[in-house]
Amino acid sequence: MAYRAEGPRSSSNSETEASPRAVVSARRSTSRTQDIDRHVGARIRERRIMLGLTQQQLADLIGVTYQQAHKYERGINRVSAGRLFEVAQVLSVPVNYFFDGLEQESDRTISPRERMCLELARNFAQIPNERHQEALSQLARVLASET
């Protein structure tokens, strides 16, 4: 049988009940934290795609399952500081890379142009022949200089 020592109780439940203002503030804080988790996950995904890695390859490199890597990228599971450090090393970026753009982000969606750039980076990284990669790179430079 377990016994629990209880201290004196006050007639008001103010210690156990939060004020409506505190509840709203806590929700706002939780929502902001989740927004940050999603932002960090999106930046992990963006960098992974830039390097032409699959989620499975990233998962193998950081020592987690595919499902865990997927949850990190979606902001479903929070990335610990140690794991974020590992991810940064694998993706060859400083840890603060994952927080870049956080200040100005407010319900931001990826534009079609950004999506196209990410797809271009992914496809470029999958070209096995370095000479073809270089030729494509030169073509892009020429086209860009024609403006």
Protein backbone atom coordinates (compact mmCIF):
# COMPACT_ATOMS: atom_id res chain seq x y z
CA MET A 1 0.00 0.00 0.00
CA ALA A 2 1.40 3.39 -0.97
CA TYR A 3 0.94 6.49 1.11
CA ARG A 4 1.12 10.00 -0.21
CA ALA A 5 1.92 12.98 1.92
CA GLU A 6 -0.23 15.97 1.11
CA GLY A 7 0.40 19.48 2.20
CA PRO A 8 -2.24 21.94 3.37
CA ARG A 9 -4.84 22.79 0.76
CA SER A 10 -6.01 26.28 0.12
CA SER A 11 -9.68 26.99 -0.42
CA SER A 12 -8.90 28.27 -3.93
CA ASN A 13 -7.70 26.04 -6.75
CA SER A 14 -5.55 28.79 -8.25
CA GLU A 15 -2.46 26.61 -8.04
CA THR A 16 -3.97 23.87 -10.17
CA GLU A 17 -6.18 25.88 -12.51
CA ALA A 18 -4.51 28.08 -15.08
CA SER A 19 -5.97 31.42 -15.98
CA PRO A 20 -7.48 31.71 -19.46
CA ARG A 21 -4.66 34.08 -20.44
CA ALA A 22 -2.02 31.52 -19.35
CA VAL A 23 -3.76 28.77 -21.33
CA VAL A 24 -3.84 30.89 -24.50
CA SER A 25 -0.20 31.82 -23.98
CA ALA A 26 0.78 28.17 -23.50
CA ARG A 27 -1.08 27.20 -26.69
CA ARG A 28 0.64 29.98 -28.61
CA SER A 29 4.01 28.83 -27.27
CA THR A 30 3.28 25.21 -28.20
CA SER A 31 2.13 26.27 -31.66
CA ARG A 32 5.30 28.33 -32.17
CA THR A 33 7.45 25.40 -31.03
CA GLN A 34 5.72 23.13 -33.53
CA ASP A 35 6.25 25.75 -36.25
CA ILE A 36 9.97 25.72 -35.47
CA ASP A 37 10.06 21.90 -35.56
CA ARG A 38 8.39 21.97 -38.99
CA HIS A 39 10.80 24.66 -40.21
CA VAL A 40 13.86 22.68 -39.09
CA GLY A 41 12.41 19.56 -40.74
CA ALA A 42 11.74 21.43 -43.97
CA ARG A 43 15.32 22.72 -44.01
CA ILE A 44 16.63 19.16 -43.47
CA ARG A 45 14.51 17.96 -46.40
CA GLU A 46 15.57 20.87 -48.59
CA ARG A 47 19.27 20.24 -47.99
CA ARG A 48 18.89 16.46 -48.40
CA ILE A 49 17.24 17.01 -51.78
CA MET A 50 19.94 19.49 -52.81
CA LEU A 51 22.51 16.80 -52.18
CA GLY A 52 20.47 14.20 -54.07
CA LEU A 53 20.01 11.93 -51.07
CA THR A 54 16.94 9.79 -50.43
CA GLN A 55 15.33 9.70 -46.99
CA GLN A 56 16.67 6.16 -46.61
CA GLN A 57 20.23 7.29 -47.38
CA LEU A 58 19.96 10.15 -44.88
CA ALA A 59 18.52 7.77 -42.27
CA ASP A 60 21.42 5.34 -42.79
CA LEU A 61 23.98 8.13 -42.50
CA ILE A 62 22.57 9.44 -39.20
CA GLY A 63 21.73 6.03 -37.76
CA VAL A 64 17.95 6.14 -37.62
CA THR A 65 15.14 4.36 -39.45
CA TYR A 66 13.57 5.68 -42.63
CA GLN A 67 10.37 6.37 -40.67
CA GLN A 68 12.26 8.45 -38.12
CA ALA A 69 13.97 10.52 -40.83
CA HIS A 70 10.56 11.06 -42.43
CA LYS A 71 9.10 12.23 -39.12
CA TYR A 72 12.03 14.62 -38.60
CA GLU A 73 11.45 16.16 -42.04
CA ARG A 74 7.72 16.60 -41.44
CA GLY A 75 8.27 18.11 -37.99
CA ILE A 76 6.26 15.29 -36.41
CA ASN A 77 9.17 14.28 -34.16
CA ARG A 78 11.50 16.84 -32.68
CA VAL A 79 15.19 16.54 -33.58
CA SER A 80 17.41 16.49 -30.48
CA ALA A 81 20.44 18.77 -30.31
CA GLY A 82 22.85 15.86 -30.69
CA ARG A 83 20.97 14.41 -33.65
CA LEU A 84 20.74 17.85 -35.29
CA PHE A 85 24.51 18.14 -34.96
CA GLU A 86 24.90 14.75 -36.71
CA VAL A 87 22.47 15.77 -39.46
CA ALA A 88 24.39 19.02 -39.98
CA GLN A 89 27.67 17.11 -40.35
CA VAL A 90 26.18 14.60 -42.80
CA LEU A 91 24.60 17.37 -44.87
CA SER A 92 27.77 19.54 -44.69
CA VAL A 93 26.13 22.61 -43.20
CA PRO A 94 26.47 24.45 -39.89
CA VAL A 95 23.73 23.75 -37.34
CA ASN A 96 22.34 27.28 -37.67
CA TYR A 97 21.52 26.51 -41.33
CA PHE A 98 18.38 24.75 -40.13
CA PHE A 99 17.16 27.92 -38.38
CA ASP A 100 17.89 30.33 -41.26
CA GLY A 101 14.78 32.16 -42.41
CA LEU A 102 12.88 31.37 -39.23
CA GLU A 103 12.36 35.02 -38.27
CA GLN A 104 10.60 36.03 -41.47
CA GLU A 105 8.62 32.82 -41.97
CA SER A 106 4.90 33.14 -41.39
CA ASP A 107 2.67 30.51 -43.00
CA ARG A 108 5.05 30.44 -45.94
CA THR A 109 4.54 27.89 -48.66
CA ILE A 110 7.09 26.82 -51.23
CA SER A 111 6.63 28.70 -54.47
CA PRO A 112 6.51 26.83 -57.78
CA ARG A 113 9.90 28.36 -58.63
CA GLU A 114 11.46 27.08 -55.39
CA ARG A 115 9.95 23.64 -55.98
CA MET A 116 11.40 23.63 -59.50
CA CYS A 117 14.85 24.61 -58.16
CA LEU A 118 14.76 21.79 -55.61
CA GLU A 119 13.72 19.32 -58.30
CA LEU A 120 16.49 20.60 -60.56
CA ALA A 121 19.06 20.14 -57.78
CA ARG A 122 17.79 16.61 -57.09
CA ASN A 123 17.89 15.63 -60.76
CA PHE A 124 21.31 17.19 -61.26
CA ALA A 125 22.74 15.23 -58.33
CA GLN A 126 21.41 12.00 -59.85
CA ILE A 127 23.31 12.45 -63.14
CA PRO A 128 26.05 9.81 -62.85
CA ASN A 129 28.38 11.23 -65.51
CA GLU A 130 30.46 14.19 -64.26
CA ARG A 131 31.03 15.41 -67.82
CA HIS A 132 27.27 15.61 -68.33
CA GLN A 133 26.93 17.50 -65.05
CA GLU A 134 29.60 19.97 -66.14
CA ALA A 135 27.97 20.42 -69.57
CA LEU A 136 24.62 21.11 -67.92
CA SER A 137 26.25 23.56 -65.54
CA GLN A 138 27.90 25.43 -68.43
CA LEU A 139 24.57 25.55 -70.28
CA ALA A 140 22.90 27.10 -67.23
CA ARG A 141 25.68 29.73 -66.97
CA VAL A 142 25.27 30.65 -70.66
CA LEU A 143 21.49 30.87 -70.41
CA ALA A 144 21.72 32.98 -67.24
CA SER A 145 24.16 35.43 -68.82
CA GLU A 146 21.80 36.09 -71.77
CA THR A 147 19.46 38.21 -69.66
